[in-house]
């Protein structure tokens, strides 16, 4: 049940926030297309497409996991398929985080989390 909730939350996060943020960033870059390196545009396009595809694969694997009444089979799908699909999606989303402009990214980045914690701890001393 926990794995199902985590996977469904990741699908929602990807579909509702992260991919749309990357698309917004991409659209703004394309407005200045001549000034943007082709490789940068291609990388961003590929990451968006890969994230979208990986999100759908994860969603399907969650459906497969919860679509069976056999708890052992469901657990195997979760352990072997859903976890793998979550990890694959995470790679694409982490790469998007590195590419997308900071003002577009809708959630705190790893860097912001670490710096905020460091500043807070440093300030408290």
C-alpha atoms as a PDB file:
ATOM      1  CA  UNK A   1       0.000   0.000   0.000  1.00  0.00           C
ATOM      2  CA  UNK A   2       2.819   2.414   0.836  1.00  0.00           C
ATOM      3  CA  UNK A   3       4.561   1.709  -2.466  1.00  0.00           C
ATOM      4  CA  UNK A   4       1.306   2.264  -4.319  1.00  0.00           C
ATOM      5  CA  UNK A   5       0.800   5.644  -2.639  1.00  0.00           C
ATOM      6  CA  UNK A   6       4.387   6.716  -3.311  1.00  0.00           C
ATOM      7  CA  UNK A   7       4.162   5.692  -6.969  1.00  0.00           C
ATOM      8  CA  UNK A   8       0.817   7.423  -7.469  1.00  0.00           C
ATOM      9  CA  UNK A   9       2.172  10.573  -5.808  1.00  0.00           C
ATOM     10  CA  UNK A  10       5.198  10.528  -8.121  1.00  0.00           C
ATOM     11  CA  UNK A  11       2.920  10.164 -11.168  1.00  0.00           C
ATOM     12  CA  UNK A  12       0.834  13.123 -10.004  1.00  0.00           C
ATOM     13  CA  UNK A  13       3.890  15.240  -9.226  1.00  0.00           C
ATOM     14  CA  UNK A  14       5.340  14.491 -12.636  1.00  0.00           C
ATOM     15  CA  UNK A  15       2.140  15.055 -14.631  1.00  0.00           C
ATOM     16  CA  UNK A  16       0.748  18.038 -12.738  1.00  0.00           C
ATOM     17  CA  UNK A  17       3.850  20.021 -11.862  1.00  0.00           C
ATOM     18  CA  UNK A  18       7.237  18.944 -13.187  1.00  0.00           C
ATOM     19  CA  UNK A  19       6.556  18.139 -16.842  1.00  0.00           C
ATOM     20  CA  UNK A  20       4.335  21.225 -17.280  1.00  0.00           C
ATOM     21  CA  UNK A  21       7.072  23.391 -15.709  1.00  0.00           C
ATOM     22  CA  UNK A  22       9.618  21.961 -18.128  1.00  0.00           C
ATOM     23  CA  UNK A  23       7.271  22.586 -21.059  1.00  0.00           C
ATOM     24  CA  UNK A  24       6.771  26.210 -19.939  1.00  0.00           C
ATOM     25  CA  UNK A  25      10.527  26.638 -19.767  1.00  0.00           C
ATOM     26  CA  UNK A  26      10.934  25.028 -23.179  1.00  0.00           C
ATOM     27  CA  UNK A  27       8.280  27.308 -24.691  1.00  0.00           C
ATOM     28  CA  UNK A  28      10.016  30.392 -23.320  1.00  0.00           C
ATOM     29  CA  UNK A  29      13.345  29.175 -24.674  1.00  0.00           C
ATOM     30  CA  UNK A  30      11.815  28.631 -28.097  1.00  0.00           C
ATOM     31  CA  UNK A  31      10.707  32.265 -28.168  1.00  0.00           C
ATOM     32  CA  UNK A  32      14.427  33.070 -28.349  1.00  0.00           C
ATOM     33  CA  UNK A  33      15.254  30.011 -30.398  1.00  0.00           C
ATOM     34  CA  UNK A  34      18.091  31.550 -32.383  1.00  0.00           C
ATOM     35  CA  UNK A  35      20.056  32.327 -29.230  1.00  0.00           C
ATOM     36  CA  UNK A  36      19.667  28.834 -27.735  1.00  0.00           C
ATOM     37  CA  UNK A  37      22.133  26.062 -28.673  1.00  0.00           C
ATOM     38  CA  UNK A  38      20.523  23.237 -30.652  1.00  0.00           C
ATOM     39  CA  UNK A  39      21.928  20.675 -28.222  1.00  0.00           C
ATOM     40  CA  UNK A  40      20.239  22.398 -25.300  1.00  0.00           C
ATOM     41  CA  UNK A  41      16.878  22.408 -27.065  1.00  0.00           C
ATOM     42  CA  UNK A  42      17.295  18.758 -28.069  1.00  0.00           C
ATOM     43  CA  UNK A  43      18.295  17.690 -24.566  1.00  0.00           C
ATOM     44  CA  UNK A  44      15.324  19.429 -22.988  1.00  0.00           C
ATOM     45  CA  UNK A  45      12.912  18.008 -25.569  1.00  0.00           C
ATOM     46  CA  UNK A  46      14.262  14.495 -25.026  1.00  0.00           C
ATOM     47  CA  UNK A  47      14.045  14.790 -21.235  1.00  0.00           C
ATOM     48  CA  UNK A  48      10.450  16.011 -21.403  1.00  0.00           C
ATOM     49  CA  UNK A  49       9.468  13.184 -23.737  1.00  0.00           C
ATOM     50  CA  UNK A  50      11.335  10.600 -21.663  1.00  0.00           C
ATOM     51  CA  UNK A  51       9.749  11.883 -18.448  1.00  0.00           C
ATOM     52  CA  UNK A  52       6.301  11.720 -19.984  1.00  0.00           C
ATOM     53  CA  UNK A  53       6.897   8.198 -21.283  1.00  0.00           C
ATOM     54  CA  UNK A  54       8.393   7.006 -17.970  1.00  0.00           C
ATOM     55  CA  UNK A  55       5.461   8.531 -16.058  1.00  0.00           C
ATOM     56  CA  UNK A  56       2.993   6.594 -18.179  1.00  0.00           C
ATOM     57  CA  UNK A  57       4.964   3.374 -17.734  1.00  0.00           C
ATOM     58  CA  UNK A  58       4.932   3.877 -13.969  1.00  0.00           C
ATOM     59  CA  UNK A  59       1.207   4.565 -13.998  1.00  0.00           C
ATOM     60  CA  UNK A  60       0.604   1.373 -15.993  1.00  0.00           C
ATOM     61  CA  UNK A  61       2.767  -0.703 -13.668  1.00  0.00           C
ATOM     62  CA  UNK A  62       0.834   0.618 -10.645  1.00  0.00           C
ATOM     63  CA  UNK A  63      -2.365  -0.402 -12.410  1.00  0.00           C
ATOM     64  CA  UNK A  64      -0.898  -3.860 -12.962  1.00  0.00           C
ATOM     65  CA  UNK A  65       0.126  -4.060  -9.309  1.00  0.00           C
ATOM     66  CA  UNK A  66      -3.296  -3.156  -7.931  1.00  0.00           C
ATOM     67  CA  UNK A  67      -5.210  -4.953 -10.672  1.00  0.00           C
ATOM     68  CA  UNK A  68      -4.611  -8.403  -9.256  1.00  0.00           C
ATOM     69  CA  UNK A  69      -6.374  -9.990  -6.321  1.00  0.00           C
ATOM     70  CA  UNK A  70      -3.362 -12.214  -5.615  1.00  0.00           C
ATOM     71  CA  UNK A  71      -1.403 -10.345  -2.942  1.00  0.00           C
ATOM     72  CA  UNK A  72       1.801 -12.271  -3.622  1.00  0.00           C
ATOM     73  CA  UNK A  73       1.678 -11.460  -7.328  1.00  0.00           C
ATOM     74  CA  UNK A  74       0.866  -7.835  -6.509  1.00  0.00           C
ATOM     75  CA  UNK A  75       3.831  -7.625  -4.132  1.00  0.00           C
ATOM     76  CA  UNK A  76       6.138  -9.093  -6.789  1.00  0.00           C
ATOM     77  CA  UNK A  77       4.991  -6.546  -9.368  1.00  0.00           C
ATOM     78  CA  UNK A  78       5.546  -3.804  -6.804  1.00  0.00           C
ATOM     79  CA  UNK A  79       8.990  -4.994  -5.814  1.00  0.00           C
ATOM     80  CA  UNK A  80      10.251  -5.866  -9.281  1.00  0.00           C
ATOM     81  CA  UNK A  81       8.419  -3.529 -11.640  1.00  0.00           C
ATOM     82  CA  UNK A  82       6.983  -0.512  -9.824  1.00  0.00           C
ATOM     83  CA  UNK A  83      10.176   0.253  -7.873  1.00  0.00           C
ATOM     84  CA  UNK A  84      12.212  -0.014 -11.082  1.00  0.00           C
ATOM     85  CA  UNK A  85       9.831   2.295 -12.963  1.00  0.00           C
ATOM     86  CA  UNK A  86       9.941   4.801 -10.096  1.00  0.00           C
ATOM     87  CA  UNK A  87      13.751   4.818 -10.219  1.00  0.00           C
ATOM     88  CA  UNK A  88      13.759   5.259 -13.990  1.00  0.00           C
ATOM     89  CA  UNK A  89      11.332   8.178 -13.797  1.00  0.00           C
ATOM     90  CA  UNK A  90      13.347   9.729 -10.997  1.00  0.00           C
ATOM     91  CA  UNK A  91      16.450   9.800 -13.218  1.00  0.00           C
ATOM     92  CA  UNK A  92      14.601  11.794 -15.885  1.00  0.00           C
ATOM     93  CA  UNK A  93      12.976  14.158 -13.393  1.00  0.00           C
ATOM     94  CA  UNK A  94      16.292  14.791 -11.634  1.00  0.00           C
ATOM     95  CA  UNK A  95      17.840  15.584 -15.013  1.00  0.00           C
ATOM     96  CA  UNK A  96      14.983  17.968 -15.791  1.00  0.00           C
ATOM     97  CA  UNK A  97      15.582  19.702 -12.479  1.00  0.00           C
ATOM     98  CA  UNK A  98      19.161  20.368 -13.581  1.00  0.00           C
ATOM     99  CA  UNK A  99      18.061  21.780 -16.964  1.00  0.00           C
ATOM    100  CA  UNK A 100      14.968  23.814 -16.196  1.00  0.00           C
ATOM    101  CA  UNK A 101      15.418  27.412 -15.120  1.00  0.00           C
ATOM    102  CA  UNK A 102      15.086  27.909 -11.377  1.00  0.00           C
ATOM    103  CA  UNK A 103      12.139  30.286 -11.590  1.00  0.00           C
ATOM    104  CA  UNK A 104      10.163  27.642 -13.506  1.00  0.00           C
ATOM    105  CA  UNK A 105      10.772  24.710 -11.150  1.00  0.00           C
ATOM    106  CA  UNK A 106       7.685  24.445  -8.905  1.00  0.00           C
ATOM    107  CA  UNK A 107       9.232  22.648  -5.941  1.00  0.00           C
ATOM    108  CA  UNK A 108      12.402  23.275  -3.930  1.00  0.00           C
ATOM    109  CA  UNK A 109      15.502  21.877  -5.609  1.00  0.00           C
ATOM    110  CA  UNK A 110      18.003  19.705  -3.776  1.00  0.00           C
ATOM    111  CA  UNK A 111      20.348  22.679  -3.746  1.00  0.00           C
ATOM    112  CA  UNK A 112      17.733  24.948  -2.157  1.00  0.00           C
ATOM    113  CA  UNK A 113      16.909  22.355   0.474  1.00  0.00           C
ATOM    114  CA  UNK A 114      20.559  21.841   1.379  1.00  0.00           C
ATOM    115  CA  UNK A 115      21.405  25.548   1.380  1.00  0.00           C
ATOM    116  CA  UNK A 116      18.348  26.424   3.428  1.00  0.00           C
ATOM    117  CA  UNK A 117      19.211  23.758   5.969  1.00  0.00           C
ATOM    118  CA  UNK A 118      22.845  24.823   6.042  1.00  0.00           C
ATOM    119  CA  UNK A 119      21.980  28.494   6.462  1.00  0.00           C
ATOM    120  CA  UNK A 120      19.483  27.685   9.180  1.00  0.00           C
ATOM    121  CA  UNK A 121      21.937  25.478  11.092  1.00  0.00           C
ATOM    122  CA  UNK A 122      24.778  27.954  10.611  1.00  0.00           C
ATOM    123  CA  UNK A 123      22.609  30.854  11.772  1.00  0.00           C
ATOM    124  CA  UNK A 124      21.492  28.982  14.895  1.00  0.00           C
ATOM    125  CA  UNK A 125      25.071  28.479  16.092  1.00  0.00           C
END
